[in-house]
Amino acid sequence: MDIEKDYGHRPVLLEECLEALSIQPEGTYVDGTLGRAGHAQAVLRRLTTGRLVGIDRDMTAIEAARERLAEFAGRVTLVHGNFSNLGEILQKLGIVGVEGMLFDLGVSSPQLDEPERGFSYMHDAPLDMRMDAGAALDAFQVVNGWSCEELRRILYEYGEERCAPQIARAIVRARADRPIETTGQLTAVIRSAMPAKALREKQHPAKRSF
């Protein structure tokens, strides 16, 4: 079965990942960011009596992986959770050691491709951006409820945004008039706070328009 033909994309650095994992057919492996399960599927094909634990915060990913990996049902365990809790997850499964772990960090393609998830600047959609759709906290609450200082901090620390103070102040001003409800509104606010030089930088998402 060809991964690219079946799912329209090839997992990131697949061959390099498999080589680095140096898979033992009887070993136990962890895919901490399951996503579309492309890496997991490739690992499972190299196992005989081994086992793979696949973890993802996104229940949609878990459900899709369950279908994709159905032929390996006896050798794969899918966990809806966060890899930051890896130790606890493995303990609950009775696993005391593994031969290898894989983490493909970042937002997955399906999350960007589905406008209703609110991850992409390419579509005007409700502010959501939850990796786990069942989580209580979403982007709307952060953008409209967090303090100016907290917004500045997360933009600077997690987004490495040089203009974090200006953007945070612009968000607070805009939401004072009415809530910022969509990615399009948020992008417009970001653009209004950015100096012209920054907007000319190709990598800046606020340069996109709807």
Protein backbone atom coordinates (compact mmCIF):
# COMPACT_ATOMS: atom_id res chain seq x y z
CA MET A 1 0.00 0.00 0.00
CA ASP A 2 1.46 3.37 -1.02
CA ILE A 3 1.23 6.12 1.59
CA GLU A 4 1.26 8.99 -0.92
CA LYS A 5 -1.45 7.48 -3.16
CA ASP A 6 -3.75 6.66 -0.26
CA TYR A 7 -3.57 9.93 1.66
CA GLY A 8 -2.32 12.58 -0.76
CA HIS A 9 0.77 13.53 1.21
CA ARG A 10 4.01 12.04 2.42
CA PRO A 11 4.89 12.21 6.13
CA VAL A 12 7.65 14.68 6.97
CA LEU A 13 11.16 13.22 6.61
CA LEU A 14 9.73 9.71 6.64
CA GLU A 15 12.82 7.78 5.57
CA GLU A 16 15.06 9.85 7.84
CA CYS A 17 12.75 9.19 10.80
CA LEU A 18 12.68 5.46 10.14
CA GLU A 19 16.46 5.34 9.84
CA ALA A 20 16.94 7.28 13.09
CA LEU A 21 14.49 5.02 14.94
CA SER A 22 16.43 1.94 13.79
CA ILE A 23 13.30 -0.13 14.30
CA GLN A 24 13.50 -3.49 16.01
CA PRO A 25 10.61 -5.73 14.86
CA GLU A 26 9.82 -6.77 18.42
CA GLY A 27 10.26 -3.30 19.97
CA THR A 28 7.85 -0.82 21.52
CA TYR A 29 7.59 2.64 19.95
CA VAL A 30 5.72 5.87 20.64
CA ASP A 31 4.35 8.35 18.10
CA GLY A 32 3.63 11.32 20.34
CA THR A 33 2.01 13.42 17.59
CA LEU A 34 -0.07 10.92 15.65
CA GLY A 35 -1.69 13.30 13.16
CA ARG A 36 -2.60 11.49 9.94
CA ALA A 37 -0.73 8.41 11.19
CA GLY A 38 1.66 8.29 8.25
CA HIS A 39 4.72 7.82 10.45
CA ALA A 40 2.84 5.37 12.68
CA GLN A 41 1.77 3.28 9.71
CA ALA A 42 5.33 3.06 8.40
CA VAL A 43 6.64 2.02 11.82
CA LEU A 44 3.94 -0.62 12.27
CA ARG A 45 4.79 -2.17 8.91
CA ARG A 46 8.26 -2.85 10.25
CA LEU A 47 7.09 -4.49 13.47
CA THR A 48 6.34 -8.17 13.93
CA THR A 49 5.61 -8.79 17.61
CA GLY A 50 6.31 -5.16 18.53
CA ARG A 51 3.88 -2.47 19.63
CA LEU A 52 3.21 1.18 18.87
CA VAL A 53 1.50 3.74 21.09
CA GLY A 54 0.02 6.67 19.17
CA ILE A 55 -0.89 9.86 21.04
CA ASP A 56 -2.76 12.94 19.84
CA ARG A 57 -4.71 15.77 21.46
CA ASP A 58 -7.06 15.92 18.47
CA MET A 59 -9.86 13.35 18.69
CA THR A 60 -10.47 13.75 14.97
CA ALA A 61 -6.92 12.54 14.36
CA ILE A 62 -7.42 9.57 16.69
CA GLU A 63 -10.58 8.53 14.85
CA ALA A 64 -8.92 8.86 11.44
CA ALA A 65 -5.87 6.92 12.65
CA ARG A 66 -8.06 4.13 14.01
CA GLU A 67 -9.43 3.59 10.50
CA ARG A 68 -6.07 3.92 8.78
CA LEU A 69 -4.32 1.56 11.16
CA ALA A 70 -7.14 -0.99 11.40
CA GLU A 71 -4.98 -3.78 9.97
CA PHE A 72 -2.57 -3.36 12.92
CA ALA A 73 -5.30 -3.35 15.59
CA GLY A 74 -3.55 -5.96 17.73
CA ARG A 75 -0.26 -4.06 17.85
CA VAL A 76 -1.26 -0.41 18.15
CA THR A 77 -2.73 1.51 21.09
CA LEU A 78 -4.27 4.93 20.36
CA VAL A 79 -4.45 7.46 23.18
CA HIS A 80 -6.37 10.74 23.19
CA GLY A 81 -4.02 12.87 25.22
CA ASN A 82 -1.03 15.18 25.34
CA PHE A 83 2.50 13.86 24.92
CA SER A 84 3.51 16.11 27.80
CA ASN A 85 1.84 13.44 29.95
CA LEU A 86 3.84 10.66 28.29
CA GLY A 87 5.15 9.18 31.52
CA GLU A 88 1.69 8.87 33.00
CA ILE A 89 0.28 7.44 29.76
CA LEU A 90 2.94 4.74 29.54
CA GLN A 91 2.58 3.90 33.22
CA LYS A 92 -1.17 3.37 32.79
CA LEU A 93 -0.45 1.08 29.84
CA GLY A 94 2.05 -0.90 31.89
CA ILE A 95 4.97 0.05 29.65
CA VAL A 96 8.26 0.49 31.51
CA GLY A 97 10.50 1.28 28.53
CA VAL A 98 10.45 1.88 24.79
CA GLU A 99 12.91 1.45 21.95
CA GLY A 100 12.10 4.74 20.26
CA MET A 101 9.87 7.83 20.22
CA LEU A 102 8.83 10.19 17.42
CA PHE A 103 7.45 13.73 17.76
CA ASP A 104 6.45 15.76 14.69
CA LEU A 105 5.77 19.07 16.41
CA GLY A 106 3.39 21.70 15.08
CA VAL A 107 -0.08 22.05 13.63
CA SER A 108 -1.09 19.21 11.32
CA SER A 109 -2.28 19.65 7.73
CA PRO A 110 -5.90 18.66 8.42
CA GLN A 111 -6.15 21.29 11.14
CA LEU A 112 -5.04 23.96 8.67
CA ASP A 113 -7.20 22.58 5.86
CA GLU A 114 -10.45 22.72 7.88
CA PRO A 115 -11.53 26.40 8.10
CA GLU A 116 -13.89 25.77 11.01
CA ARG A 117 -10.91 24.87 13.22
CA GLY A 118 -9.80 28.51 13.02
CA PHE A 119 -6.07 27.75 12.58
CA SER A 120 -5.55 29.18 9.10
CA TYR A 121 -5.23 32.81 8.06
CA MET A 122 -6.37 31.76 4.57
CA HIS A 123 -10.03 31.59 5.67
CA ASP A 124 -12.23 33.87 7.74
CA ALA A 125 -13.52 31.53 10.43
CA PRO A 126 -14.58 31.68 14.07
CA LEU A 127 -11.66 32.02 16.47
CA ASP A 128 -11.06 28.55 17.86
CA MET A 129 -7.53 27.13 17.34
CA ARG A 130 -7.96 24.28 19.81
CA MET A 131 -5.74 21.26 19.20
CA ASP A 132 -8.24 19.34 21.32
CA ALA A 133 -11.72 20.38 20.21
CA GLY A 134 -13.05 19.24 23.57
CA ALA A 135 -10.85 21.62 25.55
CA ALA A 136 -12.59 24.44 27.43
CA LEU A 137 -10.20 27.25 26.44
CA ASP A 138 -10.27 28.54 22.85
CA ALA A 139 -8.64 31.43 20.99
CA PHE A 140 -11.76 33.59 21.31
CA GLN A 141 -11.46 33.56 25.09
CA VAL A 142 -7.75 34.34 24.99
CA VAL A 143 -8.03 37.18 22.47
CA ASN A 144 -11.04 38.78 24.13
CA GLY A 145 -10.41 38.06 27.79
CA TRP A 146 -6.71 37.98 28.55
CA SER A 147 -4.85 41.08 29.72
CA CYS A 148 -2.69 43.18 27.46
CA GLU A 149 0.43 41.97 29.26
CA GLU A 150 -0.54 38.31 28.90
CA LEU A 151 -1.24 38.77 25.19
CA ARG A 152 2.12 40.47 24.74
CA ARG A 153 3.85 37.67 26.60
CA ILE A 154 2.40 34.81 24.59
CA LEU A 155 2.97 36.63 21.29
CA TYR A 156 6.59 37.27 22.19
CA GLU A 157 7.46 34.00 23.96
CA TYR A 158 5.59 31.56 21.74
CA GLY A 159 5.38 33.49 18.48
CA GLU A 160 8.75 35.27 18.72
CA GLU A 161 6.87 38.32 17.50
CA ARG A 162 8.96 41.51 17.56
CA CYS A 163 5.87 43.69 17.45
CA ALA A 164 4.13 41.88 20.31
CA PRO A 165 3.54 45.04 22.44
CA GLN A 166 1.94 46.92 19.53
CA ILE A 167 -0.25 43.97 18.55
CA ALA A 168 -1.39 43.33 22.13
CA ARG A 169 -2.38 46.99 22.58
CA ALA A 170 -4.23 46.96 19.24
CA ILE A 171 -6.21 43.87 20.26
CA VAL A 172 -7.24 45.44 23.56
CA ARG A 173 -8.36 48.64 21.76
CA ALA A 174 -10.33 46.74 19.14
CA ARG A 175 -12.14 44.44 21.58
CA ALA A 176 -13.22 47.45 23.65
CA ASP A 177 -15.57 48.35 20.78
CA ARG A 178 -16.76 44.83 20.01
CA PRO A 179 -15.51 41.27 20.47
CA ILE A 180 -12.99 39.92 17.97
CA GLU A 181 -14.84 36.85 16.75
CA THR A 182 -13.11 35.62 13.59
CA THR A 183 -9.64 35.01 12.19
CA GLY A 184 -10.34 37.71 9.60
CA GLN A 185 -11.06 40.29 12.28
CA LEU A 186 -7.95 39.29 14.21
CA THR A 187 -5.79 39.51 11.09
CA ALA A 188 -7.13 43.00 10.37
CA VAL A 189 -6.26 44.09 13.91
CA ILE A 190 -2.76 42.63 13.58
CA ARG A 191 -2.23 44.41 10.25
CA SER A 192 -3.30 47.71 11.79
CA ALA A 193 -0.59 47.36 14.45
CA MET A 194 2.27 46.33 12.16
CA PRO A 195 4.77 48.83 10.75
CA ALA A 196 4.90 48.95 6.95
CA LYS A 197 8.35 47.32 6.89
CA ALA A 198 7.10 44.31 8.83
CA LEU A 199 4.10 43.88 6.53
CA ARG A 200 6.46 43.61 3.58
CA GLU A 201 8.11 40.54 5.12
CA LYS A 202 6.83 37.53 3.17
CA GLN A 203 6.73 35.24 6.17
CA HIS A 204 4.36 37.44 8.18
CA PRO A 205 0.83 35.91 8.21
CA ALA A 206 -0.82 39.29 8.82
CA LYS A 207 0.19 40.24 5.28
CA ARG A 208 -2.49 37.90 3.93
CA SER A 209 -5.84 39.39 3.05
CA PHE A 210 -9.28 37.83 2.58
